[in-house]
Every structure is written in structure tokens, then in C-alpha cells.
N, C-alpha and C. Protein backbone atom coordinates (compact mmCIF):
# COMPACT_ATOMS: atom_id res chain seq x y z
N MET A 1 -7.76 -4.39 0.85
CA MET A 1 -7.01 -3.14 0.77
C MET A 1 -6.54 -2.90 -0.66
N GLY A 2 -6.02 -3.89 -1.32
CA GLY A 2 -5.52 -3.72 -2.68
C GLY A 2 -4.03 -3.46 -2.72
N ARG A 3 -3.43 -3.81 -3.80
CA ARG A 3 -1.98 -3.68 -3.96
C ARG A 3 -1.59 -2.27 -4.41
N LEU A 4 -0.35 -1.94 -4.12
CA LEU A 4 0.27 -0.74 -4.67
C LEU A 4 1.21 -1.18 -5.79
N ILE A 5 1.24 -0.41 -6.84
CA ILE A 5 2.20 -0.60 -7.92
C ILE A 5 3.22 0.53 -7.80
N ALA A 6 4.49 0.18 -7.73
CA ALA A 6 5.55 1.18 -7.65
C ALA A 6 6.30 1.22 -8.97
N ILE A 7 6.66 2.43 -9.38
CA ILE A 7 7.31 2.61 -10.67
C ILE A 7 8.59 3.43 -10.49
N ASP A 8 9.69 2.83 -10.93
CA ASP A 8 10.95 3.55 -11.05
C ASP A 8 11.01 4.01 -12.50
N TYR A 9 10.60 5.24 -12.75
CA TYR A 9 10.39 5.75 -14.11
C TYR A 9 11.70 6.04 -14.82
N GLY A 10 11.76 5.63 -16.05
CA GLY A 10 12.89 5.93 -16.92
C GLY A 10 12.40 6.27 -18.31
N LEU A 11 13.21 6.93 -19.09
CA LEU A 11 12.79 7.33 -20.43
C LEU A 11 12.59 6.14 -21.36
N LYS A 12 13.39 5.08 -21.19
CA LYS A 12 13.29 3.90 -22.05
C LYS A 12 12.49 2.78 -21.41
N ARG A 13 12.72 2.55 -20.13
CA ARG A 13 12.05 1.45 -19.43
C ARG A 13 11.83 1.87 -17.99
N CYS A 14 10.89 1.15 -17.36
CA CYS A 14 10.54 1.44 -15.98
C CYS A 14 10.57 0.16 -15.16
N GLY A 15 11.20 0.24 -14.02
CA GLY A 15 11.15 -0.86 -13.08
C GLY A 15 9.81 -0.83 -12.37
N VAL A 16 9.23 -2.01 -12.17
CA VAL A 16 7.92 -2.11 -11.53
C VAL A 16 8.02 -3.08 -10.35
N ALA A 17 7.45 -2.67 -9.23
CA ALA A 17 7.33 -3.52 -8.06
C ALA A 17 5.89 -3.44 -7.58
N VAL A 18 5.45 -4.45 -6.85
CA VAL A 18 4.09 -4.48 -6.33
C VAL A 18 4.12 -4.93 -4.87
N THR A 19 3.06 -4.63 -4.16
CA THR A 19 2.92 -5.12 -2.79
C THR A 19 2.02 -6.34 -2.79
N ASP A 20 1.95 -6.96 -1.63
CA ASP A 20 0.91 -7.96 -1.39
C ASP A 20 -0.39 -7.19 -1.13
N ASP A 21 -1.49 -7.91 -0.98
CA ASP A 21 -2.79 -7.26 -0.80
C ASP A 21 -2.88 -6.43 0.48
N GLU A 22 -2.11 -6.80 1.50
CA GLU A 22 -2.13 -6.07 2.76
C GLU A 22 -1.13 -4.90 2.79
N GLN A 23 -0.39 -4.73 1.72
CA GLN A 23 0.60 -3.66 1.59
C GLN A 23 1.65 -3.71 2.69
N ILE A 24 2.18 -4.92 2.92
CA ILE A 24 3.22 -5.10 3.92
C ILE A 24 4.57 -5.32 3.24
N PHE A 25 4.58 -6.11 2.19
CA PHE A 25 5.83 -6.49 1.52
C PHE A 25 5.87 -5.97 0.09
N ALA A 26 7.07 -5.63 -0.35
CA ALA A 26 7.31 -5.20 -1.73
C ALA A 26 7.99 -6.33 -2.48
N PHE A 27 7.56 -6.55 -3.71
CA PHE A 27 8.12 -7.59 -4.56
C PHE A 27 8.46 -6.99 -5.93
N GLY A 28 9.65 -7.28 -6.42
CA GLY A 28 9.99 -6.89 -7.78
C GLY A 28 9.06 -7.61 -8.74
N HIS A 29 8.54 -6.90 -9.70
CA HIS A 29 7.58 -7.51 -10.63
C HIS A 29 8.16 -7.67 -12.03
N ASP A 30 8.60 -6.55 -12.63
CA ASP A 30 9.03 -6.62 -14.03
C ASP A 30 9.72 -5.32 -14.41
N THR A 31 10.22 -5.29 -15.61
CA THR A 31 10.70 -4.06 -16.23
C THR A 31 9.89 -3.90 -17.51
N ILE A 32 9.27 -2.74 -17.66
CA ILE A 32 8.33 -2.50 -18.75
C ILE A 32 8.87 -1.35 -19.61
N PRO A 33 8.82 -1.49 -20.95
CA PRO A 33 9.16 -0.33 -21.77
C PRO A 33 8.23 0.84 -21.42
N THR A 34 8.78 2.01 -21.32
CA THR A 34 8.02 3.18 -20.86
C THR A 34 6.77 3.42 -21.70
N TYR A 35 6.86 3.22 -23.00
CA TYR A 35 5.69 3.48 -23.85
C TYR A 35 4.55 2.50 -23.59
N GLN A 36 4.82 1.39 -22.90
CA GLN A 36 3.79 0.40 -22.61
C GLN A 36 3.29 0.48 -21.16
N LEU A 37 3.79 1.41 -20.39
CA LEU A 37 3.54 1.43 -18.95
C LEU A 37 2.06 1.65 -18.60
N LEU A 38 1.41 2.60 -19.22
CA LEU A 38 0.00 2.85 -18.90
C LEU A 38 -0.86 1.64 -19.24
N ASP A 39 -0.58 1.00 -20.37
CA ASP A 39 -1.33 -0.22 -20.72
C ASP A 39 -1.04 -1.34 -19.74
N PHE A 40 0.21 -1.46 -19.27
CA PHE A 40 0.54 -2.46 -18.28
C PHE A 40 -0.29 -2.26 -17.02
N ILE A 41 -0.35 -1.02 -16.52
CA ILE A 41 -1.12 -0.73 -15.30
C ILE A 41 -2.59 -1.08 -15.53
N ASP A 42 -3.11 -0.71 -16.68
CA ASP A 42 -4.50 -1.00 -17.00
C ASP A 42 -4.76 -2.51 -16.97
N ASN A 43 -3.92 -3.27 -17.61
CA ASN A 43 -4.09 -4.73 -17.65
C ASN A 43 -3.86 -5.36 -16.28
N TYR A 44 -2.88 -4.89 -15.54
CA TYR A 44 -2.57 -5.47 -14.24
C TYR A 44 -3.74 -5.29 -13.28
N GLN A 45 -4.33 -4.11 -13.27
CA GLN A 45 -5.43 -3.87 -12.33
C GLN A 45 -6.69 -4.63 -12.71
N LYS A 46 -6.73 -5.19 -13.89
CA LYS A 46 -7.86 -6.04 -14.27
C LYS A 46 -7.72 -7.45 -13.70
N THR A 47 -6.49 -7.82 -13.30
CA THR A 47 -6.26 -9.17 -12.80
C THR A 47 -6.18 -9.24 -11.28
N VAL A 48 -5.81 -8.15 -10.62
CA VAL A 48 -5.73 -8.11 -9.16
C VAL A 48 -6.28 -6.76 -8.68
N SER A 49 -6.62 -6.72 -7.40
CA SER A 49 -7.12 -5.48 -6.81
C SER A 49 -5.94 -4.53 -6.58
N VAL A 50 -6.03 -3.35 -7.17
CA VAL A 50 -4.99 -2.33 -7.03
C VAL A 50 -5.64 -1.09 -6.40
N SER A 51 -4.99 -0.56 -5.36
CA SER A 51 -5.55 0.62 -4.71
C SER A 51 -4.76 1.89 -5.01
N GLY A 52 -3.52 1.73 -5.50
CA GLY A 52 -2.74 2.94 -5.74
C GLY A 52 -1.50 2.71 -6.56
N ILE A 53 -0.94 3.83 -6.99
CA ILE A 53 0.28 3.86 -7.79
C ILE A 53 1.28 4.76 -7.08
N LEU A 54 2.50 4.27 -6.93
CA LEU A 54 3.59 5.04 -6.35
C LEU A 54 4.63 5.26 -7.44
N VAL A 55 4.98 6.52 -7.64
CA VAL A 55 6.00 6.85 -8.64
C VAL A 55 7.18 7.50 -7.93
N GLY A 56 8.36 6.99 -8.21
CA GLY A 56 9.57 7.56 -7.64
C GLY A 56 9.83 8.94 -8.20
N MET A 57 10.07 9.90 -7.32
CA MET A 57 10.36 11.26 -7.74
C MET A 57 11.87 11.48 -7.72
N PRO A 58 12.45 11.70 -8.89
CA PRO A 58 13.91 11.87 -8.97
C PRO A 58 14.33 13.26 -8.47
N MET A 59 15.11 13.24 -7.41
CA MET A 59 15.57 14.50 -6.82
C MET A 59 17.09 14.50 -6.75
N ARG A 60 17.64 15.70 -6.76
CA ARG A 60 19.08 15.86 -6.54
C ARG A 60 19.35 16.01 -5.05
N LEU A 61 20.62 16.08 -4.70
CA LEU A 61 21.00 16.11 -3.28
C LEU A 61 20.36 17.25 -2.49
N HIS A 62 20.21 18.42 -3.07
CA HIS A 62 19.71 19.58 -2.35
C HIS A 62 18.22 19.79 -2.60
N ASN A 63 17.49 18.69 -2.73
CA ASN A 63 16.04 18.70 -2.94
C ASN A 63 15.60 19.42 -4.20
N GLN A 64 16.46 19.48 -5.16
CA GLN A 64 16.09 20.05 -6.45
C GLN A 64 15.69 18.91 -7.39
N PRO A 65 14.65 19.12 -8.19
CA PRO A 65 14.25 18.07 -9.13
C PRO A 65 15.37 17.78 -10.13
N SER A 66 15.50 16.52 -10.51
CA SER A 66 16.51 16.17 -11.50
C SER A 66 15.99 16.48 -12.89
N GLU A 67 16.84 16.25 -13.88
CA GLU A 67 16.48 16.59 -15.26
C GLU A 67 15.30 15.78 -15.81
N ILE A 68 15.00 14.63 -15.25
CA ILE A 68 13.90 13.80 -15.73
C ILE A 68 12.58 14.11 -15.01
N ALA A 69 12.60 15.00 -14.04
CA ALA A 69 11.42 15.29 -13.22
C ALA A 69 10.23 15.75 -14.06
N ASN A 70 10.47 16.53 -15.11
CA ASN A 70 9.35 17.00 -15.95
C ASN A 70 8.63 15.82 -16.61
N GLU A 71 9.39 14.85 -17.09
CA GLU A 71 8.78 13.67 -17.72
C GLU A 71 8.02 12.84 -16.69
N VAL A 72 8.57 12.75 -15.48
CA VAL A 72 7.89 12.01 -14.41
C VAL A 72 6.57 12.69 -14.05
N ASN A 73 6.59 14.01 -13.94
CA ASN A 73 5.36 14.74 -13.64
C ASN A 73 4.32 14.60 -14.75
N LEU A 74 4.76 14.57 -15.98
CA LEU A 74 3.83 14.34 -17.09
C LEU A 74 3.22 12.95 -16.98
N PHE A 75 4.03 11.95 -16.68
CA PHE A 75 3.52 10.60 -16.51
C PHE A 75 2.52 10.53 -15.36
N ILE A 76 2.82 11.19 -14.25
CA ILE A 76 1.90 11.21 -13.12
C ILE A 76 0.56 11.82 -13.52
N SER A 77 0.60 12.90 -14.28
CA SER A 77 -0.63 13.53 -14.77
C SER A 77 -1.43 12.58 -15.64
N GLN A 78 -0.73 11.83 -16.51
CA GLN A 78 -1.41 10.86 -17.35
C GLN A 78 -2.04 9.75 -16.51
N CYS A 79 -1.33 9.30 -15.49
CA CYS A 79 -1.87 8.27 -14.59
C CYS A 79 -3.12 8.76 -13.88
N LYS A 80 -3.07 9.97 -13.36
CA LYS A 80 -4.23 10.52 -12.64
C LYS A 80 -5.44 10.64 -13.56
N ALA A 81 -5.20 11.02 -14.82
CA ALA A 81 -6.30 11.15 -15.77
C ALA A 81 -6.86 9.78 -16.17
N ARG A 82 -6.00 8.80 -16.36
CA ARG A 82 -6.44 7.48 -16.83
C ARG A 82 -6.94 6.59 -15.70
N PHE A 83 -6.42 6.80 -14.48
CA PHE A 83 -6.79 5.96 -13.34
C PHE A 83 -7.24 6.83 -12.16
N PRO A 84 -8.31 7.60 -12.33
CA PRO A 84 -8.73 8.52 -11.26
C PRO A 84 -9.21 7.80 -10.00
N GLN A 85 -9.58 6.53 -10.11
CA GLN A 85 -10.07 5.77 -8.96
C GLN A 85 -8.94 5.32 -8.03
N LEU A 86 -7.70 5.39 -8.48
CA LEU A 86 -6.56 4.94 -7.69
C LEU A 86 -5.96 6.11 -6.90
N LYS A 87 -5.35 5.77 -5.77
CA LYS A 87 -4.58 6.77 -5.03
C LYS A 87 -3.24 6.92 -5.73
N HIS A 88 -2.75 8.14 -5.77
CA HIS A 88 -1.48 8.42 -6.45
C HIS A 88 -0.50 9.00 -5.45
N HIS A 89 0.67 8.38 -5.39
CA HIS A 89 1.71 8.78 -4.44
C HIS A 89 3.01 9.02 -5.20
N THR A 90 3.83 9.91 -4.64
CA THR A 90 5.21 10.04 -5.09
C THR A 90 6.10 9.86 -3.87
N TYR A 91 7.34 9.46 -4.14
CA TYR A 91 8.28 9.26 -3.04
C TYR A 91 9.68 9.49 -3.58
N ASP A 92 10.50 10.11 -2.77
CA ASP A 92 11.88 10.43 -3.14
C ASP A 92 12.63 9.15 -3.49
N GLU A 93 13.18 9.10 -4.70
CA GLU A 93 13.89 7.89 -5.13
C GLU A 93 15.40 8.07 -5.15
N ARG A 94 15.89 9.11 -4.50
CA ARG A 94 17.34 9.32 -4.46
C ARG A 94 18.06 8.08 -3.98
N PHE A 95 19.10 7.74 -4.66
CA PHE A 95 20.02 6.65 -4.31
C PHE A 95 19.46 5.24 -4.53
N THR A 96 18.21 5.10 -4.98
CA THR A 96 17.68 3.74 -5.11
C THR A 96 18.45 2.94 -6.15
N SER A 97 18.88 3.57 -7.23
CA SER A 97 19.64 2.83 -8.25
C SER A 97 21.00 2.40 -7.71
N LYS A 98 21.64 3.27 -6.95
CA LYS A 98 22.93 2.90 -6.36
C LYS A 98 22.77 1.80 -5.32
N ILE A 99 21.73 1.90 -4.51
CA ILE A 99 21.46 0.86 -3.51
C ILE A 99 21.13 -0.45 -4.21
N ALA A 100 20.35 -0.37 -5.29
CA ALA A 100 19.99 -1.58 -6.04
C ALA A 100 21.24 -2.25 -6.62
N ALA A 101 22.09 -1.46 -7.24
CA ALA A 101 23.32 -2.02 -7.83
C ALA A 101 24.19 -2.66 -6.75
N GLN A 102 24.27 -2.02 -5.60
CA GLN A 102 25.06 -2.58 -4.50
C GLN A 102 24.41 -3.86 -3.97
N SER A 103 23.10 -3.89 -3.86
CA SER A 103 22.39 -5.09 -3.40
C SER A 103 22.62 -6.25 -4.35
N ILE A 104 22.57 -5.97 -5.64
CA ILE A 104 22.81 -7.02 -6.64
C ILE A 104 24.23 -7.53 -6.50
N SER A 105 25.17 -6.62 -6.31
CA SER A 105 26.57 -7.01 -6.14
C SER A 105 26.75 -7.84 -4.87
N ASP A 106 26.12 -7.41 -3.79
CA ASP A 106 26.22 -8.11 -2.51
C ASP A 106 25.59 -9.50 -2.56
N SER A 107 24.65 -9.68 -3.49
CA SER A 107 23.97 -10.97 -3.57
C SER A 107 24.85 -12.05 -4.20
N GLY A 108 26.00 -11.62 -4.73
CA GLY A 108 26.93 -12.57 -5.32
C GLY A 108 26.74 -12.79 -6.81
N LEU A 109 25.81 -12.06 -7.40
CA LEU A 109 25.63 -12.18 -8.85
C LEU A 109 26.84 -11.62 -9.57
N GLY A 110 27.11 -12.14 -10.73
CA GLY A 110 28.28 -11.74 -11.49
C GLY A 110 28.17 -10.36 -12.10
N ARG A 111 29.25 -9.97 -12.75
CA ARG A 111 29.33 -8.64 -13.37
C ARG A 111 28.22 -8.42 -14.38
N LYS A 112 27.88 -9.46 -15.15
CA LYS A 112 26.84 -9.32 -16.16
C LYS A 112 25.50 -8.94 -15.52
N ALA A 113 25.15 -9.58 -14.44
CA ALA A 113 23.90 -9.27 -13.74
C ALA A 113 23.93 -7.85 -13.18
N ARG A 114 25.09 -7.46 -12.63
CA ARG A 114 25.20 -6.12 -12.05
C ARG A 114 25.07 -5.03 -13.10
N SER A 115 25.43 -5.33 -14.35
CA SER A 115 25.32 -4.33 -15.40
C SER A 115 24.00 -4.42 -16.16
N ASN A 116 23.13 -5.34 -15.75
CA ASN A 116 21.82 -5.49 -16.38
C ASN A 116 20.92 -4.36 -15.88
N LYS A 117 20.74 -3.33 -16.70
CA LYS A 117 19.98 -2.15 -16.28
C LYS A 117 18.53 -2.46 -15.97
N ALA A 118 17.95 -3.43 -16.68
CA ALA A 118 16.56 -3.81 -16.41
C ALA A 118 16.44 -4.40 -15.00
N LEU A 119 17.40 -5.22 -14.61
CA LEU A 119 17.39 -5.79 -13.26
C LEU A 119 17.57 -4.69 -12.22
N VAL A 120 18.48 -3.78 -12.46
CA VAL A 120 18.69 -2.66 -11.54
C VAL A 120 17.41 -1.84 -11.40
N ASP A 121 16.70 -1.60 -12.51
CA ASP A 121 15.45 -0.83 -12.45
C ASP A 121 14.39 -1.55 -11.62
N LYS A 122 14.28 -2.86 -11.78
CA LYS A 122 13.29 -3.63 -11.03
C LYS A 122 13.62 -3.64 -9.54
N VAL A 123 14.89 -3.83 -9.22
CA VAL A 123 15.31 -3.81 -7.82
C VAL A 123 15.13 -2.40 -7.24
N SER A 124 15.40 -1.38 -8.02
CA SER A 124 15.20 0.01 -7.57
C SER A 124 13.73 0.26 -7.22
N ALA A 125 12.83 -0.24 -8.06
CA ALA A 125 11.40 -0.07 -7.78
C ALA A 125 11.02 -0.78 -6.49
N THR A 126 11.61 -1.94 -6.25
CA THR A 126 11.32 -2.69 -5.04
C THR A 126 11.82 -1.95 -3.80
N ILE A 127 13.02 -1.40 -3.88
CA ILE A 127 13.58 -0.62 -2.77
C ILE A 127 12.73 0.63 -2.52
N LEU A 128 12.33 1.30 -3.58
CA LEU A 128 11.46 2.47 -3.48
C LEU A 128 10.17 2.11 -2.75
N LEU A 129 9.55 1.03 -3.17
CA LEU A 129 8.27 0.62 -2.59
C LEU A 129 8.42 0.21 -1.13
N GLN A 130 9.44 -0.56 -0.81
CA GLN A 130 9.61 -0.98 0.58
C GLN A 130 9.93 0.22 1.47
N SER A 131 10.68 1.18 0.96
CA SER A 131 10.97 2.40 1.72
C SER A 131 9.69 3.19 1.99
N PHE A 132 8.84 3.29 0.99
CA PHE A 132 7.56 3.97 1.13
C PHE A 132 6.69 3.26 2.17
N LEU A 133 6.60 1.94 2.09
CA LEU A 133 5.79 1.18 3.04
C LEU A 133 6.31 1.36 4.47
N THR A 134 7.61 1.33 4.62
CA THR A 134 8.20 1.51 5.95
C THR A 134 7.88 2.89 6.50
N ALA A 135 7.99 3.91 5.67
CA ALA A 135 7.67 5.28 6.10
C ALA A 135 6.20 5.41 6.46
N GLN A 136 5.33 4.79 5.71
CA GLN A 136 3.89 4.85 6.00
C GLN A 136 3.56 4.17 7.33
N ASN A 137 4.20 3.06 7.60
CA ASN A 137 3.92 2.31 8.84
C ASN A 137 4.50 2.99 10.06
N ASN A 138 5.49 3.86 9.89
CA ASN A 138 6.08 4.57 11.03
C ASN A 138 5.35 5.85 11.37
N MET A 139 4.39 6.21 10.54
CA MET A 139 3.65 7.46 10.79
C MET A 139 2.46 7.16 11.72
N PRO A 140 2.14 8.11 12.58
CA PRO A 140 1.01 7.91 13.50
C PRO A 140 -0.32 7.88 12.78
């Protein structure tokens, strides 16, 4: 089947999560500087089978795109052009950063870990990916 790569897109860095080959579980992978993200995807898919890319779509409460949505859409266009063989998905990423920060706090990590934005981005990507997988498995 191949793995999915999930991206919590940010202007400076992006949280990255991946699935197992059967696309059942989501795992935090890394935090990548945004300018290196396309090269990361290119190199990653050379080492493992990848079937698709999931990008979190930043939305506001009333289903309006957030201020970063234009940059996310540009990135998605670049992904589609560079990786046309992969499936491309988007998924609402509302609240993933808040849920990630709370999860880190609940895990007992100290204040320093909770304020580590790279860790929050990676956990956010993992939450995004697991939410997407759960939604896909609940559909007929």
C-alpha cells in the first residue's frame, strides 16, 4: 500500500508524521525547515514506499481559511507538480497544535518541552495524520 506522509505546514518549519505501510498507525517523524520540505519528501520516498501526502489545511472556526492558507495551497501545488505519482490529500488541522501542546503537557514533560515548538509541530502532524486515518477507516 505504501506510507502516507503528513505535514503540519509552517512558514519556518513543518512537523512531519508518517504511517506504517498498511496505513493503520501514525508516527511522529521529524521537524523539517520549510525550505527543505520538498527535498525531504523526495529523499524519503526513495528509501520507503510512499503512496501519498497529507497536508493540514489551516482553517478558522467558521470554516474560513486562516492567514497561512495561501502559502499552504502554494505548497500543495508544488507537491502535485513535483510528485504527480502520489495521492494528495488535505485535512482540517484546526486545534491540532492546541491538542499537541496539551498532550505534551499531559505526558508529564516539563515546561521546556512544552514550549519546544518543533516538538509541538511534530506531535501536531501525528495528531493530524491519525485523525485522517480514523476518518478514512470510518467511511464506507
